[in-house]
Structures are given as C-alpha cells and as structure tokens.
PDB file of all heavy atoms in Angstrom:
ATOM      1  N   ASP A   1      65.386 -60.589 -27.693  1.00  0.00           N
ATOM      2  CA  ASP A   1      64.418 -60.869 -26.635  1.00  0.00           C
ATOM      3  C   ASP A   1      63.333 -61.847 -27.068  1.00  0.00           C
ATOM      4  O   ASP A   1      62.843 -62.630 -26.252  1.00  0.00           O
ATOM      5  CB  ASP A   1      63.775 -59.559 -26.167  1.00  0.00           C
ATOM      6  CG  ASP A   1      64.741 -58.710 -25.347  1.00  0.00           C
ATOM      7  OD1 ASP A   1      65.351 -59.242 -24.406  1.00  0.00           O
ATOM      8  OD2 ASP A   1      64.885 -57.514 -25.648  1.00  0.00           O
ATOM      9  N   GLY A   2      62.962 -61.833 -28.343  1.00  0.00           N
ATOM     10  CA  GLY A   2      61.946 -62.770 -28.818  1.00  0.00           C
ATOM     11  C   GLY A   2      62.421 -64.214 -28.754  1.00  0.00           C
ATOM     12  O   GLY A   2      61.683 -65.100 -28.318  1.00  0.00           O
ATOM     13  N   THR A   3      63.666 -64.454 -29.178  1.00  0.00           N
ATOM     14  CA  THR A   3      64.225 -65.807 -29.118  1.00  0.00           C
ATOM     15  C   THR A   3      64.394 -66.261 -27.669  1.00  0.00           C
ATOM     16  O   THR A   3      64.141 -67.423 -27.333  1.00  0.00           O
ATOM     17  CB  THR A   3      65.575 -65.858 -29.849  1.00  0.00           C
ATOM     18  OG1 THR A   3      65.421 -65.337 -31.175  1.00  0.00           O
ATOM     19  CG2 THR A   3      66.093 -67.277 -29.945  1.00  0.00           C
ATOM     20  N   ILE A   4      64.820 -65.338 -26.807  1.00  0.00           N
ATOM     21  CA  ILE A   4      64.959 -65.666 -25.390  1.00  0.00           C
ATOM     22  C   ILE A   4      63.603 -66.028 -24.793  1.00  0.00           C
ATOM     23  O   ILE A   4      63.479 -66.997 -24.038  1.00  0.00           O
ATOM     24  CB  ILE A   4      65.603 -64.495 -24.634  1.00  0.00           C
ATOM     25  CG1 ILE A   4      67.052 -64.317 -25.080  1.00  0.00           C
ATOM     26  CG2 ILE A   4      65.532 -64.713 -23.118  1.00  0.00           C
ATOM     27  CD1 ILE A   4      67.679 -63.017 -24.636  1.00  0.00           C
ATOM     28  N   ASN A   5      62.568 -65.264 -25.135  1.00  0.00           N
ATOM     29  CA  ASN A   5      61.244 -65.557 -24.593  1.00  0.00           C
ATOM     30  C   ASN A   5      60.770 -66.940 -25.029  1.00  0.00           C
ATOM     31  O   ASN A   5      60.242 -67.709 -24.211  1.00  0.00           O
ATOM     32  CB  ASN A   5      60.237 -64.492 -25.042  1.00  0.00           C
ATOM     33  CG  ASN A   5      58.848 -64.771 -24.544  1.00  0.00           C
ATOM     34  OD1 ASN A   5      58.082 -65.516 -25.161  1.00  0.00           O
ATOM     35  ND2 ASN A   5      58.502 -64.202 -23.401  1.00  0.00           N
ATOM     36  N   GLU A   6      60.956 -67.266 -26.278  1.00  0.00           N
ATOM     37  CA  GLU A   6      60.578 -68.607 -26.746  1.00  0.00           C
ATOM     38  C   GLU A   6      61.330 -69.684 -25.972  1.00  0.00           C
ATOM     39  O   GLU A   6      60.752 -70.705 -25.570  1.00  0.00           O
ATOM     40  CB  GLU A   6      60.882 -68.748 -28.242  1.00  0.00           C
ATOM     41  CG  GLU A   6      59.913 -68.035 -29.154  1.00  0.00           C
ATOM     42  CD  GLU A   6      60.132 -68.428 -30.601  1.00  0.00           C
ATOM     43  OE1 GLU A   6      60.817 -69.443 -30.846  1.00  0.00           O
ATOM     44  OE2 GLU A   6      59.617 -67.731 -31.486  1.00  0.00           O
ATOM     45  N   THR A   7      62.621 -69.472 -25.763  1.00  0.00           N
ATOM     46  CA  THR A   7      63.433 -70.455 -25.048  1.00  0.00           C
ATOM     47  C   THR A   7      62.933 -70.646 -23.628  1.00  0.00           C
ATOM     48  O   THR A   7      62.797 -71.785 -23.141  1.00  0.00           O
ATOM     49  CB  THR A   7      64.899 -70.010 -25.037  1.00  0.00           C
ATOM     50  OG1 THR A   7      65.359 -69.855 -26.389  1.00  0.00           O
ATOM     51  CG2 THR A   7      65.778 -71.015 -24.319  1.00  0.00           C
ATOM     52  N   VAL A   8      62.652 -69.563 -22.942  1.00  0.00           N
ATOM     53  CA  VAL A   8      62.142 -69.642 -21.570  1.00  0.00           C
ATOM     54  C   VAL A   8      60.840 -70.421 -21.527  1.00  0.00           C
ATOM     55  O   VAL A   8      60.627 -71.273 -20.649  1.00  0.00           O
ATOM     56  CB  VAL A   8      61.970 -68.231 -20.988  1.00  0.00           C
ATOM     57  CG1 VAL A   8      61.147 -68.264 -19.701  1.00  0.00           C
ATOM     58  CG2 VAL A   8      63.327 -67.587 -20.736  1.00  0.00           C
ATOM     59  N   ASN A   9      59.958 -70.165 -22.472  1.00  0.00           N
ATOM     60  CA  ASN A   9      58.692 -70.889 -22.488  1.00  0.00           C
ATOM     61  C   ASN A   9      58.889 -72.360 -22.808  1.00  0.00           C
ATOM     62  O   ASN A   9      58.167 -73.220 -22.290  1.00  0.00           O
ATOM     63  CB  ASN A   9      57.726 -70.222 -23.470  1.00  0.00           C
ATOM     64  CG  ASN A   9      57.009 -69.039 -22.857  1.00  0.00           C
ATOM     65  OD1 ASN A   9      55.979 -69.187 -22.210  1.00  0.00           O
ATOM     66  ND2 ASN A   9      57.568 -67.853 -23.036  1.00  0.00           N
ATOM     67  N   GLY A  10      59.880 -72.675 -23.632  1.00  0.00           N
ATOM     68  CA  GLY A  10      60.185 -74.079 -23.886  1.00  0.00           C
ATOM     69  C   GLY A  10      60.716 -74.787 -22.655  1.00  0.00           C
ATOM     70  O   GLY A  10      60.449 -75.974 -22.439  1.00  0.00           O
ATOM     71  N   LEU A  11      61.454 -74.062 -21.825  1.00  0.00           N
ATOM     72  CA  LEU A  11      61.988 -74.639 -20.601  1.00  0.00           C
ATOM     73  C   LEU A  11      60.913 -74.845 -19.541  1.00  0.00           C
ATOM     74  O   LEU A  11      61.010 -75.762 -18.727  1.00  0.00           O
ATOM     75  CB  LEU A  11      63.097 -73.747 -20.031  1.00  0.00           C
ATOM     76  CG  LEU A  11      64.390 -73.656 -20.831  1.00  0.00           C
ATOM     77  CD1 LEU A  11      65.334 -72.647 -20.193  1.00  0.00           C
ATOM     78  CD2 LEU A  11      65.063 -75.013 -20.930  1.00  0.00           C
ATOM     79  N   LEU A  12      59.872 -73.998 -19.543  1.00  0.00           N
ATOM     80  CA  LEU A  12      58.891 -74.036 -18.461  1.00  0.00           C
ATOM     81  C   LEU A  12      57.580 -74.718 -18.820  1.00  0.00           C
ATOM     82  O   LEU A  12      56.937 -75.296 -17.943  1.00  0.00           O
ATOM     83  CB  LEU A  12      58.581 -72.609 -17.980  1.00  0.00           C
ATOM     84  CG  LEU A  12      59.488 -72.099 -16.854  1.00  0.00           C
ATOM     85  CD1 LEU A  12      60.877 -71.769 -17.368  1.00  0.00           C
ATOM     86  CD2 LEU A  12      58.880 -70.908 -16.159  1.00  0.00           C
ATOM     87  N   ASN A  13      57.165 -74.635 -20.060  1.00  0.00           N
ATOM     88  CA  ASN A  13      55.842 -75.150 -20.407  1.00  0.00           C
ATOM     89  C   ASN A  13      55.874 -76.646 -20.674  1.00  0.00           C
ATOM     90  O   ASN A  13      56.840 -77.167 -21.239  1.00  0.00           O
ATOM     91  CB  ASN A  13      55.290 -74.429 -21.643  1.00  0.00           C
ATOM     92  CG  ASN A  13      54.733 -73.065 -21.310  1.00  0.00           C
ATOM     93  OD1 ASN A  13      54.102 -72.875 -20.273  1.00  0.00           O
ATOM     94  ND2 ASN A  13      54.953 -72.098 -22.189  1.00  0.00           N
ATOM     95  N   PRO A  14      54.801 -77.369 -20.306  1.00  0.00           N
ATOM     96  CA  PRO A  14      54.735 -78.797 -20.627  1.00  0.00           C
ATOM     97  C   PRO A  14      54.628 -79.030 -22.123  1.00  0.00           C
ATOM     98  O   PRO A  14      53.993 -78.261 -22.841  1.00  0.00           O
ATOM     99  CB  PRO A  14      53.467 -79.268 -19.896  1.00  0.00           C
ATOM    100  CG  PRO A  14      52.650 -78.033 -19.726  1.00  0.00           C
ATOM    101  CD  PRO A  14      53.619 -76.906 -19.574  1.00  0.00           C
ATOM    102  N   VAL A  15      55.279 -80.073 -22.595  1.00  0.00           N
ATOM    103  CA  VAL A  15      55.237 -80.459 -24.002  1.00  0.00           C
ATOM    104  C   VAL A  15      54.883 -81.938 -24.077  1.00  0.00           C
ATOM    105  O   VAL A  15      55.436 -82.757 -23.346  1.00  0.00           O
ATOM    106  CB  VAL A  15      56.591 -80.190 -24.695  1.00  0.00           C
ATOM    107  CG1 VAL A  15      56.557 -80.670 -26.136  1.00  0.00           C
ATOM    108  CG2 VAL A  15      56.938 -78.710 -24.626  1.00  0.00           C
ATOM    109  N   ASN A  16      53.940 -82.274 -24.943  1.00  0.00           N
ATOM    110  CA  ASN A  16      53.516 -83.676 -25.138  1.00  0.00           C
ATOM    111  C   ASN A  16      53.086 -84.339 -23.839  1.00  0.00           C
ATOM    112  O   ASN A  16      53.348 -85.524 -23.594  1.00  0.00           O
ATOM    113  CB  ASN A  16      54.654 -84.489 -25.784  1.00  0.00           C
ATOM    114  CG  ASN A  16      55.036 -83.964 -27.161  1.00  0.00           C
ATOM    115  OD1 ASN A  16      54.167 -83.495 -27.895  1.00  0.00           O
ATOM    116  ND2 ASN A  16      56.303 -84.039 -27.496  1.00  0.00           N
ATOM    117  N   GLY A  17      52.445 -83.534 -22.978  1.00  0.00           N
ATOM    118  CA  GLY A  17      51.872 -84.096 -21.761  1.00  0.00           C
ATOM    119  C   GLY A  17      52.836 -84.276 -20.617  1.00  0.00           C
ATOM    120  O   GLY A  17      52.452 -84.766 -19.553  1.00  0.00           O
ATOM    121  N   ASP A  18      54.124 -83.876 -20.776  1.00  0.00           N
ATOM    122  CA  ASP A  18      55.049 -84.048 -19.652  1.00  0.00           C
ATOM    123  C   ASP A  18      54.749 -83.021 -18.571  1.00  0.00           C
ATOM    124  O   ASP A  18      54.136 -81.999 -18.803  1.00  0.00           O
ATOM    125  CB  ASP A  18      56.509 -83.973 -20.107  1.00  0.00           C
ATOM    126  CG  ASP A  18      56.904 -82.594 -20.595  1.00  0.00           C
ATOM    127  OD1 ASP A  18      56.008 -81.803 -20.913  1.00  0.00           O
ATOM    128  OD2 ASP A  18      58.111 -82.319 -20.661  1.00  0.00           O
ATOM    129  N   HIS A  19      55.191 -83.296 -17.362  1.00  0.00           N
ATOM    130  CA  HIS A  19      54.905 -82.440 -16.223  1.00  0.00           C
ATOM    131  C   HIS A  19      56.142 -81.632 -15.867  1.00  0.00           C
ATOM    132  O   HIS A  19      57.235 -82.180 -15.737  1.00  0.00           O
ATOM    133  CB  HIS A  19      54.473 -83.271 -15.013  1.00  0.00           C
ATOM    134  CG  HIS A  19      54.301 -82.457 -13.765  1.00  0.00           C
ATOM    135  ND1 HIS A  19      53.324 -81.493 -13.637  1.00  0.00           N
ATOM    136  CD2 HIS A  19      54.995 -82.460 -12.604  1.00  0.00           C
ATOM    137  CE1 HIS A  19      53.410 -80.941 -12.434  1.00  0.00           C
ATOM    138  NE2 HIS A  19      54.419 -81.507 -11.789  1.00  0.00           N
ATOM    139  N   VAL A  20      55.973 -80.324 -15.728  1.00  0.00           N
ATOM    140  CA  VAL A  20      57.058 -79.453 -15.317  1.00  0.00           C
ATOM    141  C   VAL A  20      56.757 -78.981 -13.908  1.00  0.00           C
ATOM    142  O   VAL A  20      55.814 -78.233 -13.692  1.00  0.00           O
ATOM    143  CB  VAL A  20      57.197 -78.239 -16.261  1.00  0.00           C
ATOM    144  CG1 VAL A  20      58.389 -77.390 -15.844  1.00  0.00           C
ATOM    145  CG2 VAL A  20      57.349 -78.690 -17.692  1.00  0.00           C
ATOM    146  N   PRO A  21      57.507 -79.420 -12.906  1.00  0.00           N
ATOM    147  CA  PRO A  21      57.212 -79.021 -11.534  1.00  0.00           C
ATOM    148  C   PRO A  21      57.453 -77.533 -11.335  1.00  0.00           C
ATOM    149  O   PRO A  21      58.228 -76.916 -12.074  1.00  0.00           O
ATOM    150  CB  PRO A  21      58.196 -79.853 -10.704  1.00  0.00           C
ATOM    151  CG  PRO A  21      59.312 -80.159 -11.640  1.00  0.00           C
ATOM    152  CD  PRO A  21      58.689 -80.277 -12.998  1.00  0.00           C
ATOM    153  N   PRO A  22      56.789 -76.917 -10.346  1.00  0.00           N
ATOM    154  CA  PRO A  22      57.016 -75.501 -10.081  1.00  0.00           C
ATOM    155  C   PRO A  22      58.434 -75.252  -9.588  1.00  0.00           C
ATOM    156  O   PRO A  22      59.097 -76.146  -9.057  1.00  0.00           O
ATOM    157  CB  PRO A  22      55.981 -75.183  -8.995  1.00  0.00           C
ATOM    158  CG  PRO A  22      55.690 -76.503  -8.356  1.00  0.00           C
ATOM    159  CD  PRO A  22      55.815 -77.524  -9.439  1.00  0.00           C
ATOM    160  N   GLY A  23      58.894 -74.005  -9.747  1.00  0.00           N
ATOM    161  CA  GLY A  23      60.241 -73.670  -9.318  1.00  0.00           C
ATOM    162  C   GLY A  23      61.270 -74.011 -10.376  1.00  0.00           C
ATOM    163  O   GLY A  23      60.968 -74.587 -11.416  1.00  0.00           O
ATOM    164  N   SER A  24      62.528 -73.624 -10.109  1.00  0.00           N
ATOM    165  CA  SER A  24      63.578 -73.772 -11.116  1.00  0.00           C
ATOM    166  C   SER A  24      64.312 -75.099 -11.033  1.00  0.00           C
ATOM    167  O   SER A  24      65.129 -75.410 -11.900  1.00  0.00           O
ATOM    168  CB  SER A  24      64.593 -72.626 -10.954  1.00  0.00           C
ATOM    169  OG  SER A  24      65.160 -72.644  -9.657  1.00  0.00           O
ATOM    170  N   GLU A  25      64.064 -75.907 -10.010  1.00  0.00           N
ATOM    171  CA  GLU A  25      64.774 -77.176  -9.860  1.00  0.00           C
ATOM    172  C   GLU A  25      64.438 -78.140 -11.001  1.00  0.00           C
ATOM    173  O   GLU A  25      63.288 -78.244 -11.421  1.00  0.00           O
ATOM    174  CB  GLU A  25      64.411 -77.817  -8.519  1.00  0.00           C
ATOM    175  CG  GLU A  25      64.809 -76.989  -7.305  1.00  0.00           C
ATOM    176  CD  GLU A  25      66.305 -76.789  -7.212  1.00  0.00           C
ATOM    177  OE1 GLU A  25      67.046 -77.711  -7.597  1.00  0.00           O
ATOM    178  OE2 GLU A  25      66.729 -75.705  -6.782  1.00  0.00           O
ATOM    179  N   GLY A  26      65.456 -78.850 -11.462  1.00  0.00           N
ATOM    180  CA  GLY A  26      65.229 -79.864 -12.476  1.00  0.00           C
ATOM    181  C   GLY A  26      65.203 -79.357 -13.895  1.00  0.00           C
ATOM    182  O   GLY A  26      65.085 -80.153 -14.827  1.00  0.00           O
ATOM    183  N   ARG A  27      65.333 -78.053 -14.093  1.00  0.00           N
ATOM    184  CA  ARG A  27      65.387 -77.502 -15.445  1.00  0.00           C
ATOM    185  C   ARG A  27      66.823 -77.109 -15.785  1.00  0.00           C
ATOM    186  O   ARG A  27      67.602 -76.774 -14.902  1.00  0.00           O
ATOM    187  CB  ARG A  27      64.504 -76.249 -15.554  1.00  0.00           C
ATOM    188  CG  ARG A  27      63.034 -76.478 -15.370  1.00  0.00           C
ATOM    189  CD  ARG A  27      62.290 -75.208 -15.788  1.00  0.00           C
ATOM    190  NE  ARG A  27      60.872 -75.349 -15.508  1.00  0.00           N
ATOM    191  CZ  ARG A  27      60.279 -74.919 -14.401  1.00  0.00           C
ATOM    192  NH1 ARG A  27      61.002 -74.342 -13.469  1.00  0.00           N
ATOM    193  NH2 ARG A  27      58.992 -75.076 -14.224  1.00  0.00           N
TER     194      ARG A  27
END
C-alpha cells in the first residue's frame, strides 16, 4: 500500500511546475 500511495501521488501531483487538470482524464 505504501508503494501504491506514492504512485498515485506521482500520477496526480504537479511536478516541476506542470499542471495536472482535475479528474482522471489525461493520466
């Protein structure tokens, strides 16, 4: 569960200033 949680946060959180739109589209 810890590795899964990290992965989910990597998919959703902005990195290096990029924008992650709301919702699951585009991920």
